[in-house]
Amino acid sequence: MGALAQVLRGLPRSDDPNLLVGSDHFDDAGVYRLSDDSALVLTVDFFPPLVDDPYQFGRIAAANSLSDVYAMGGRPVAVLNIVGFPDMALPAEILGEILRGGAERVAAAGAVVAGGHSVRDSEIKFGLAVTGLIHPDRILTNGGARPGDVLILTKPLGSGVLTTAAKKGLIGEGDLAEAIEVMAELNAGACAAIYELAAEAGGDPRAAGVHAVTDITGFGLIGHAFEMAEASGVTIEIEASKVPLMTNTLRLAREGVVTRAAGSNLEHVGKRLIAQGMDETLVKVLADAQTSGGLLIAVAENKADQLTNLLPISRTRTKTIIGGIKPQSSLSMVLR
């Protein structure tokens, strides 16, 4: 996380006025304006298998890639497969199952697979380059959260802990059922709920009180909330006990099962986070890397009940208010 920030700071920045969202604040996707009423949402993501079942891995990787478009408020329209595969060591049927799983999630998103690219690799890798569409005036970013907003999380945490435990043989494949279901679930429902709320404001989510959105992935809840705080110029307070967790997540974490990313994410946030008196294991869980996590939504307090009532209608897994936004202080984040 820190190394990536340093690299990006050294790259030349585009002065194209049509690049509406770039890499300045680590937003979930780039946005490029085509016309006054249309823009492209562009993102790419891929990674090695988290689970043994190739079909489920394909579904999870695709859902994870598509999530970035939903986090920006966009609608996925077309994708390209990105594949690394050891074809000399593994049967092609495994790759077929991965691609089938990915295609199932793309179809569920209402998008199409337009092609892709593969390379011979020593390790399986799969993901998507996703193109979506959005109105230039209705873009959701991780900046814009305002003091007085509340924070809503739409999926429980725990995928990093549970998949790591499975790899270590500490839990069986059957114990991953909840995590697989959560990771493969599209964030389309949460995005739809936001726009249902926005309908009362002419379709503009920000005018309806949705001020900032991001999805929870590799930087964990703490890392992505930190990015939101920095991009918005606010301090975020999270009530750790209210953050939903998947079954057995905290137990396994207490037994030492967390990803290496938990430590690096906490190191990156550093002294800009205060978690005084907090359970250290729970803090690590909140910093732990997630795959295809939920949306973190900063919404005006007087609109929070409307949004939480809409989320279940859109088949969103949770609708938990986990904290709020305070005026900027010397700290970016506070855990209570």
Protein backbone atom coordinates (compact mmCIF):
# COMPACT_ATOMS: atom_id res chain seq x y z
CA MET A 1 0.00 0.00 0.00
CA GLY A 2 2.73 2.47 0.98
CA ALA A 3 5.06 1.38 -1.85
CA LEU A 4 2.26 1.75 -4.41
CA ALA A 5 1.52 5.27 -3.17
CA GLN A 6 5.18 6.23 -3.58
CA VAL A 7 5.31 4.82 -7.12
CA LEU A 8 2.12 6.58 -8.20
CA ARG A 9 3.30 9.91 -6.83
CA GLY A 10 6.32 9.74 -9.14
CA LEU A 11 4.31 9.15 -12.32
CA PRO A 12 3.23 12.00 -14.61
CA ARG A 13 -0.39 13.07 -14.18
CA SER A 14 -2.80 13.47 -17.04
CA ASP A 15 -4.08 16.96 -17.81
CA ASP A 16 -6.94 15.62 -19.97
CA PRO A 17 -10.09 17.36 -18.66
CA ASN A 18 -12.16 14.31 -19.62
CA LEU A 19 -10.35 12.14 -17.08
CA LEU A 20 -12.85 12.76 -14.31
CA VAL A 21 -11.41 10.27 -11.81
CA GLY A 22 -7.80 9.12 -11.86
CA SER A 23 -5.47 7.62 -9.26
CA ASP A 24 -5.06 10.68 -7.04
CA HIS A 25 -7.13 9.38 -4.12
CA PHE A 26 -6.96 5.61 -4.79
CA ASP A 27 -10.54 5.49 -6.01
CA ASP A 28 -11.92 2.13 -7.01
CA ALA A 29 -11.92 2.80 -10.76
CA GLY A 30 -11.04 5.43 -13.31
CA VAL A 31 -13.74 7.46 -15.05
CA TYR A 32 -13.37 9.01 -18.51
CA ARG A 33 -16.03 11.33 -19.95
CA LEU A 34 -17.29 10.55 -23.46
CA SER A 35 -20.00 13.21 -23.64
CA ASP A 36 -22.10 15.46 -21.42
CA ASP A 37 -24.25 12.53 -20.35
CA SER A 38 -21.97 9.50 -20.66
CA ALA A 39 -18.66 8.35 -19.19
CA LEU A 40 -16.67 5.12 -19.04
CA VAL A 41 -15.83 3.43 -15.73
CA LEU A 42 -12.59 1.46 -16.12
CA THR A 43 -11.01 -1.05 -13.75
CA VAL A 44 -8.91 -4.21 -13.70
CA ASP A 45 -8.18 -6.83 -11.04
CA PHE A 46 -6.86 -10.40 -10.90
CA PHE A 47 -5.29 -12.73 -8.35
CA PRO A 48 -4.42 -16.38 -7.56
CA PRO A 49 -7.06 -18.84 -6.31
CA LEU A 50 -8.48 -18.38 -2.82
CA VAL A 51 -10.48 -21.61 -2.90
CA ASP A 52 -9.90 -25.04 -4.42
CA ASP A 53 -13.08 -25.16 -6.52
CA PRO A 54 -12.17 -23.59 -9.90
CA TYR A 55 -15.76 -22.65 -10.73
CA GLN A 56 -16.21 -20.84 -7.43
CA PHE A 57 -12.83 -19.16 -7.82
CA GLY A 58 -13.96 -17.82 -11.19
CA ARG A 59 -17.17 -16.46 -9.67
CA ILE A 60 -15.31 -14.80 -6.79
CA ALA A 61 -12.64 -13.21 -8.99
CA ALA A 62 -15.27 -11.86 -11.39
CA ALA A 63 -17.44 -10.46 -8.60
CA ASN A 64 -14.37 -8.80 -7.10
CA SER A 65 -13.50 -7.13 -10.41
CA LEU A 66 -17.06 -6.01 -11.10
CA SER A 67 -17.32 -4.52 -7.61
CA ASP A 68 -15.14 -1.53 -8.48
CA VAL A 69 -17.66 -0.37 -11.08
CA TYR A 70 -20.52 -0.64 -8.58
CA ALA A 71 -18.48 1.29 -6.00
CA MET A 72 -18.31 4.20 -8.46
CA GLY A 73 -22.06 4.00 -9.10
CA GLY A 74 -21.58 2.57 -12.58
CA ARG A 75 -23.21 -0.19 -14.62
CA PRO A 76 -20.86 -2.91 -15.99
CA VAL A 77 -21.33 -3.45 -19.72
CA ALA A 78 -18.35 -5.45 -21.03
CA VAL A 79 -15.35 -7.32 -19.65
CA LEU A 80 -12.12 -8.91 -20.82
CA ASN A 81 -10.78 -12.03 -19.12
CA ILE A 82 -7.22 -11.92 -17.77
CA VAL A 83 -5.69 -15.36 -17.29
CA GLY A 84 -2.42 -16.83 -16.10
CA PHE A 85 -2.42 -20.63 -16.36
CA PRO A 86 0.16 -23.44 -16.11
CA ASP A 87 -1.14 -25.35 -19.12
CA MET A 88 1.78 -27.78 -19.08
CA ALA A 89 0.97 -28.87 -15.52
CA LEU A 90 -2.81 -28.70 -15.21
CA PRO A 91 -5.66 -29.92 -17.42
CA ALA A 92 -7.47 -27.35 -19.53
CA GLU A 93 -10.76 -28.38 -17.89
CA ILE A 94 -9.72 -26.44 -14.77
CA LEU A 95 -9.33 -23.28 -16.81
CA GLY A 96 -12.67 -23.95 -18.45
CA GLU A 97 -14.36 -24.11 -15.04
CA ILE A 98 -12.71 -20.85 -13.93
CA LEU A 99 -13.89 -19.07 -17.06
CA ARG A 100 -17.37 -20.59 -16.69
CA GLY A 101 -17.61 -19.25 -13.15
CA GLY A 102 -16.48 -15.82 -14.25
CA ALA A 103 -18.94 -15.78 -17.13
CA GLU A 104 -21.80 -16.66 -14.75
CA ARG A 105 -21.12 -13.58 -12.61
CA VAL A 106 -20.67 -11.35 -15.67
CA ALA A 107 -24.04 -12.49 -17.00
CA ALA A 108 -25.62 -11.91 -13.58
CA ALA A 109 -24.29 -8.35 -13.77
CA GLY A 110 -25.98 -7.85 -17.14
CA ALA A 111 -22.64 -7.47 -18.92
CA VAL A 112 -20.88 -9.45 -21.66
CA VAL A 113 -17.51 -11.14 -22.02
CA ALA A 114 -15.88 -9.51 -25.05
CA GLY A 115 -12.69 -11.58 -25.06
CA GLY A 116 -9.50 -11.55 -23.06
CA HIS A 117 -5.84 -12.47 -22.87
CA SER A 118 -3.97 -15.42 -21.38
CA VAL A 119 -0.33 -16.12 -20.59
CA ARG A 120 1.46 -19.29 -19.52
CA ASP A 121 2.26 -18.90 -15.83
CA SER A 122 3.57 -21.06 -13.01
CA GLU A 123 0.51 -20.18 -10.93
CA ILE A 124 -3.17 -19.79 -11.81
CA LYS A 125 -4.36 -16.19 -11.90
CA PHE A 126 -7.71 -14.87 -13.05
CA GLY A 127 -9.63 -11.63 -13.12
CA LEU A 128 -11.31 -9.11 -15.37
CA ALA A 129 -10.76 -5.78 -17.03
CA VAL A 130 -14.19 -4.20 -16.70
CA THR A 131 -15.77 -1.35 -18.61
CA GLY A 132 -18.89 0.28 -17.23
CA LEU A 133 -21.04 3.29 -17.98
CA ILE A 134 -22.09 6.19 -15.75
CA HIS A 135 -23.49 9.70 -16.04
CA PRO A 136 -20.63 12.18 -15.44
CA ASP A 137 -22.71 14.07 -12.87
CA ARG A 138 -23.58 10.95 -10.83
CA ILE A 139 -20.15 9.53 -10.05
CA LEU A 140 -19.61 8.11 -6.58
CA THR A 141 -16.05 8.45 -5.21
CA ASN A 142 -14.32 7.78 -1.91
CA GLY A 143 -14.06 11.54 -1.34
CA GLY A 144 -16.93 13.77 -0.27
CA ALA A 145 -17.86 12.28 3.11
CA ARG A 146 -19.16 15.04 5.39
CA PRO A 147 -19.21 15.53 9.17
CA GLY A 148 -22.52 14.18 10.45
CA ASP A 149 -22.70 11.36 7.90
CA VAL A 150 -23.06 7.78 9.10
CA LEU A 151 -21.19 4.79 7.68
CA ILE A 152 -23.03 1.74 6.38
CA LEU A 153 -21.32 -1.57 5.51
CA THR A 154 -23.12 -4.00 3.20
CA LYS A 155 -21.17 -7.27 3.69
CA PRO A 156 -19.57 -8.93 6.73
CA LEU A 157 -15.79 -9.19 7.05
CA GLY A 158 -13.80 -12.40 7.33
CA SER A 159 -12.87 -13.67 3.87
CA GLY A 160 -9.14 -13.17 4.46
CA VAL A 161 -9.13 -15.05 7.75
CA LEU A 162 -11.34 -17.90 6.53
CA THR A 163 -9.56 -18.56 3.23
CA THR A 164 -6.18 -18.41 4.99
CA ALA A 165 -7.43 -20.90 7.58
CA ALA A 166 -8.59 -23.25 4.81
CA LYS A 167 -5.20 -23.09 3.09
CA LYS A 168 -3.54 -24.01 6.38
CA GLY A 169 -5.92 -26.96 6.85
CA LEU A 170 -7.45 -25.46 9.99
CA ILE A 171 -10.97 -25.62 8.58
CA GLY A 172 -12.56 -27.80 5.93
CA GLU A 173 -13.81 -26.69 2.52
CA GLY A 174 -17.37 -26.93 3.85
CA ASP A 175 -16.56 -24.29 6.46
CA LEU A 176 -15.89 -21.88 3.59
CA ALA A 177 -19.47 -21.99 2.30
CA GLU A 178 -20.47 -18.68 3.89
CA ALA A 179 -17.29 -16.93 2.75
CA ILE A 180 -17.67 -18.22 -0.81
CA GLU A 181 -21.27 -17.04 -0.92
CA VAL A 182 -20.34 -13.60 0.41
CA MET A 183 -17.37 -13.17 -1.94
CA ALA A 184 -19.31 -14.28 -5.02
CA GLU A 185 -22.21 -11.94 -4.28
CA LEU A 186 -22.32 -8.89 -6.56
CA ASN A 187 -22.47 -5.39 -5.08
CA ALA A 188 -25.14 -4.64 -7.67
CA GLY A 189 -27.86 -4.66 -5.01
CA ALA A 190 -26.14 -2.05 -2.86
CA CYS A 191 -25.54 0.15 -5.90
CA ALA A 192 -29.20 -0.23 -6.93
CA ALA A 193 -30.36 0.77 -3.44
CA ILE A 194 -28.26 3.94 -3.63
CA TYR A 195 -29.88 4.90 -6.92
CA GLU A 196 -33.32 4.05 -5.62
CA LEU A 197 -32.68 6.61 -2.89
CA ALA A 198 -31.27 9.02 -5.49
CA ALA A 199 -34.49 8.88 -7.52
CA GLU A 200 -36.03 11.46 -5.19
CA ALA A 201 -33.21 13.86 -6.10
CA GLY A 202 -33.39 13.51 -9.87
CA GLY A 203 -31.01 10.55 -9.92
CA ASP A 204 -28.06 12.30 -8.26
CA PRO A 205 -26.84 10.19 -5.28
CA ARG A 206 -24.98 13.09 -3.69
CA ALA A 207 -28.04 15.32 -3.78
CA ALA A 208 -29.90 12.46 -2.06
CA GLY A 209 -27.31 12.38 0.73
CA VAL A 210 -24.91 9.63 -0.42
CA HIS A 211 -21.63 11.52 -0.21
CA ALA A 212 -18.89 8.86 -0.55
CA VAL A 213 -18.60 5.16 -1.38
CA THR A 214 -15.81 2.59 -1.62
CA ASP A 215 -15.64 -1.19 -1.60
CA ILE A 216 -13.69 -3.20 0.96
CA THR A 217 -10.96 -5.29 -0.64
CA GLY A 218 -7.21 -5.69 -0.17
CA PHE A 219 -6.64 -2.78 2.20
CA GLY A 220 -9.28 -4.06 4.62
CA LEU A 221 -11.96 -2.00 6.31
CA ILE A 222 -9.39 0.14 8.10
CA GLY A 223 -7.33 0.81 4.98
CA HIS A 224 -10.26 1.71 2.75
CA ALA A 225 -11.94 3.81 5.46
CA PHE A 226 -8.61 5.59 5.90
CA GLU A 227 -8.54 6.38 2.17
CA MET A 228 -12.07 7.77 2.44
CA ALA A 229 -11.07 9.94 5.40
CA GLU A 230 -7.99 11.27 3.62
CA ALA A 231 -9.81 11.93 0.34
CA SER A 232 -12.70 13.65 2.16
CA GLY A 233 -10.69 15.70 4.66
CA VAL A 234 -12.55 14.23 7.66
CA THR A 235 -12.03 11.90 10.60
CA ILE A 236 -13.82 8.56 10.55
CA GLU A 237 -15.00 6.89 13.74
CA ILE A 238 -15.83 3.18 13.63
CA GLU A 239 -17.59 1.28 16.39
CA ALA A 240 -15.67 -1.97 16.14
CA SER A 241 -18.25 -4.06 17.99
CA LYS A 242 -20.87 -3.18 15.35
CA VAL A 243 -18.83 -4.40 12.38
CA PRO A 244 -20.42 -7.65 11.11
CA LEU A 245 -18.12 -10.67 10.91
CA MET A 246 -18.54 -14.05 9.26
CA THR A 247 -18.88 -17.12 11.48
CA ASN A 248 -15.63 -18.21 13.19
CA THR A 249 -13.66 -15.20 11.93
CA LEU A 250 -12.77 -13.82 15.35
CA ARG A 251 -12.09 -17.27 16.82
CA LEU A 252 -9.64 -18.12 14.06
CA ALA A 253 -8.01 -14.71 14.27
CA ARG A 254 -7.45 -15.25 17.99
CA GLU A 255 -5.64 -18.44 17.00
CA GLY A 256 -3.28 -16.37 14.86
CA VAL A 257 -4.95 -16.65 11.46
CA VAL A 258 -4.77 -13.30 9.66
CA THR A 259 -3.23 -12.34 6.33
CA ARG A 260 0.09 -10.52 6.13
CA ALA A 261 -1.84 -7.59 4.70
CA ALA A 262 -3.34 -6.85 8.11
CA GLY A 263 0.04 -5.78 9.42
CA SER A 264 1.02 -3.80 6.34
CA ASN A 265 -2.35 -2.02 6.24
CA LEU A 266 -2.00 -0.99 9.89
CA GLU A 267 1.57 0.09 9.28
CA HIS A 268 0.47 2.31 6.40
CA VAL A 269 -2.19 4.07 8.47
CA GLY A 270 0.25 4.35 11.37
CA LYS A 271 -0.29 7.06 13.96
CA ARG A 272 -3.23 8.51 12.06
CA LEU A 273 -5.32 5.72 13.60
CA ILE A 274 -6.10 5.49 17.31
CA ALA A 275 -7.49 2.27 18.74
CA GLN A 276 -6.76 2.83 22.40
CA GLY A 277 -8.01 0.06 24.65
CA MET A 278 -9.26 -1.99 21.69
CA ASP A 279 -8.98 -5.76 21.34
CA GLU A 280 -5.81 -6.12 19.25
CA THR A 281 -7.12 -9.18 17.45
CA LEU A 282 -10.31 -7.40 16.41
CA VAL A 283 -8.24 -4.48 15.11
CA LYS A 284 -6.24 -6.91 12.96
CA VAL A 285 -9.48 -8.39 11.60
CA LEU A 286 -10.70 -4.91 10.66
CA ALA A 287 -7.40 -4.30 8.84
CA ASP A 288 -7.29 -7.74 7.23
CA ALA A 289 -7.46 -8.02 3.46
CA GLN A 290 -10.89 -8.87 2.05
CA THR A 291 -11.88 -10.23 -1.33
CA SER A 292 -15.02 -8.89 -3.00
CA GLY A 293 -16.12 -7.18 0.22
CA GLY A 294 -19.14 -4.97 0.62
CA LEU A 295 -19.63 -1.29 -0.03
CA LEU A 296 -18.78 1.26 2.66
CA ILE A 297 -21.24 4.12 2.24
CA ALA A 298 -21.11 7.56 3.86
CA VAL A 299 -24.68 8.86 3.89
CA ALA A 300 -26.38 11.82 5.56
CA GLU A 301 -27.79 10.79 8.92
CA ASN A 302 -31.31 11.89 7.98
CA LYS A 303 -31.19 9.55 4.94
CA ALA A 304 -29.64 6.56 6.67
CA ASP A 305 -32.93 4.88 7.63
CA GLN A 306 -34.24 5.19 4.07
CA LEU A 307 -31.11 3.60 2.68
CA THR A 308 -30.98 0.79 5.23
CA ASN A 309 -34.63 0.01 4.43
CA LEU A 310 -33.83 -0.16 0.71
CA LEU A 311 -30.75 -2.39 1.05
CA PRO A 312 -32.58 -5.62 1.99
CA ILE A 313 -35.03 -5.09 -0.88
CA SER A 314 -32.00 -5.13 -3.19
CA ARG A 315 -30.88 -8.43 -1.60
CA THR A 316 -27.91 -6.84 0.15
CA ARG A 317 -26.41 -9.10 2.79
CA THR A 318 -26.17 -6.59 5.66
CA LYS A 319 -27.26 -3.01 6.32
CA THR A 320 -25.15 -2.26 9.37
CA ILE A 321 -24.35 1.25 10.55
CA ILE A 322 -20.79 0.88 11.86
CA GLY A 323 -19.75 4.47 12.59
CA GLY A 324 -19.82 8.05 11.46
CA ILE A 325 -17.96 11.03 10.10
CA LYS A 326 -16.46 13.74 12.31
CA PRO A 327 -14.70 17.01 11.46
CA GLN A 328 -11.06 16.58 10.52
CA SER A 329 -8.60 16.35 13.40
CA SER A 330 -5.01 15.23 13.78
CA LEU A 331 -6.31 11.68 13.37
CA SER A 332 -7.81 10.16 10.23
CA MET A 333 -9.49 7.27 12.05
CA VAL A 334 -10.71 6.38 15.51
CA LEU A 335 -11.80 2.89 16.56
CA ARG A 336 -14.08 2.64 19.58
